[in-house]
Amino acid sequence: MLPIKNPISTSYAHNVDNYWCLFHEREAVQDMGDMGIFLLLWASLVLPWATLLFSNKNI
């Protein structure tokens, strides 16, 4: 016998899949945002020290 698909269960599963995709897309965007903030903090901490060291070497 062919399995009879229940339209309610398939639509429910489809909605769950959509929510899962949305959640993962939002999660990926949030990870990218966190990485950008981390890079900005790292740059703001490291760049002044690097410029100080290089300027001291040049003098």
Protein backbone atom coordinates (compact mmCIF):
# COMPACT_ATOMS: atom_id res chain seq x y z
CA MET A 1 0.00 0.00 0.00
CA LEU A 2 1.11 3.53 -0.70
CA PRO A 3 1.50 5.66 2.40
CA ILE A 4 -1.24 8.27 2.62
CA LYS A 5 0.23 11.63 3.52
CA ASN A 6 -1.71 13.51 6.12
CA PRO A 7 -1.87 17.14 4.93
CA ILE A 8 -1.87 18.46 8.49
CA SER A 9 1.28 16.60 9.47
CA THR A 10 3.13 17.51 6.25
CA SER A 11 2.25 21.19 6.57
CA TYR A 12 3.33 21.08 10.22
CA ALA A 13 6.66 19.51 9.25
CA HIS A 14 7.05 22.10 6.50
CA ASN A 15 6.48 24.91 9.00
CA VAL A 16 9.02 23.38 11.36
CA ASP A 17 11.53 23.22 8.50
CA ASN A 18 10.87 26.87 7.67
CA TYR A 19 11.37 27.93 11.28
CA TRP A 20 14.54 25.84 11.46
CA CYS A 21 15.93 27.54 8.32
CA LEU A 22 15.02 30.99 9.63
CA PHE A 23 16.60 30.23 12.99
CA HIS A 24 19.82 29.02 11.38
CA GLU A 25 19.98 32.00 9.02
CA ARG A 26 19.52 34.37 11.96
CA GLU A 27 22.14 32.42 13.91
CA ALA A 28 24.64 32.70 11.05
CA VAL A 29 24.04 36.44 10.76
CA GLN A 30 24.49 36.80 14.50
CA ASP A 31 27.77 34.86 14.35
CA MET A 32 28.98 37.15 11.56
CA GLY A 33 28.03 40.17 13.65
CA ASP A 34 29.88 38.81 16.68
CA MET A 35 32.94 38.16 14.52
CA GLY A 36 32.79 41.72 13.19
CA ILE A 37 32.61 43.14 16.73
CA PHE A 38 35.51 40.91 17.77
CA LEU A 39 37.58 42.07 14.80
CA LEU A 40 36.79 45.71 15.59
CA LEU A 41 37.83 45.25 19.22
CA TRP A 42 40.98 43.37 18.20
CA ALA A 43 41.91 46.07 15.69
CA SER A 44 41.28 48.87 18.19
CA LEU A 45 43.51 47.12 20.73
CA VAL A 46 46.31 45.93 18.44
CA LEU A 47 46.64 48.76 15.91
CA PRO A 48 47.65 51.49 18.42
CA TRP A 49 50.32 49.22 19.92
CA ALA A 50 51.59 48.27 16.44
CA THR A 51 51.82 51.92 15.39
CA LEU A 52 53.63 52.81 18.64
CA LEU A 53 56.15 50.00 18.15
CA PHE A 54 56.80 50.88 14.52
CA SER A 55 57.10 54.59 15.27
CA ASN A 56 59.62 53.82 18.06
CA LYS A 57 61.67 51.67 15.69
CA ASN A 58 61.73 54.41 13.07
CA ILE A 59 63.01 57.03 15.53
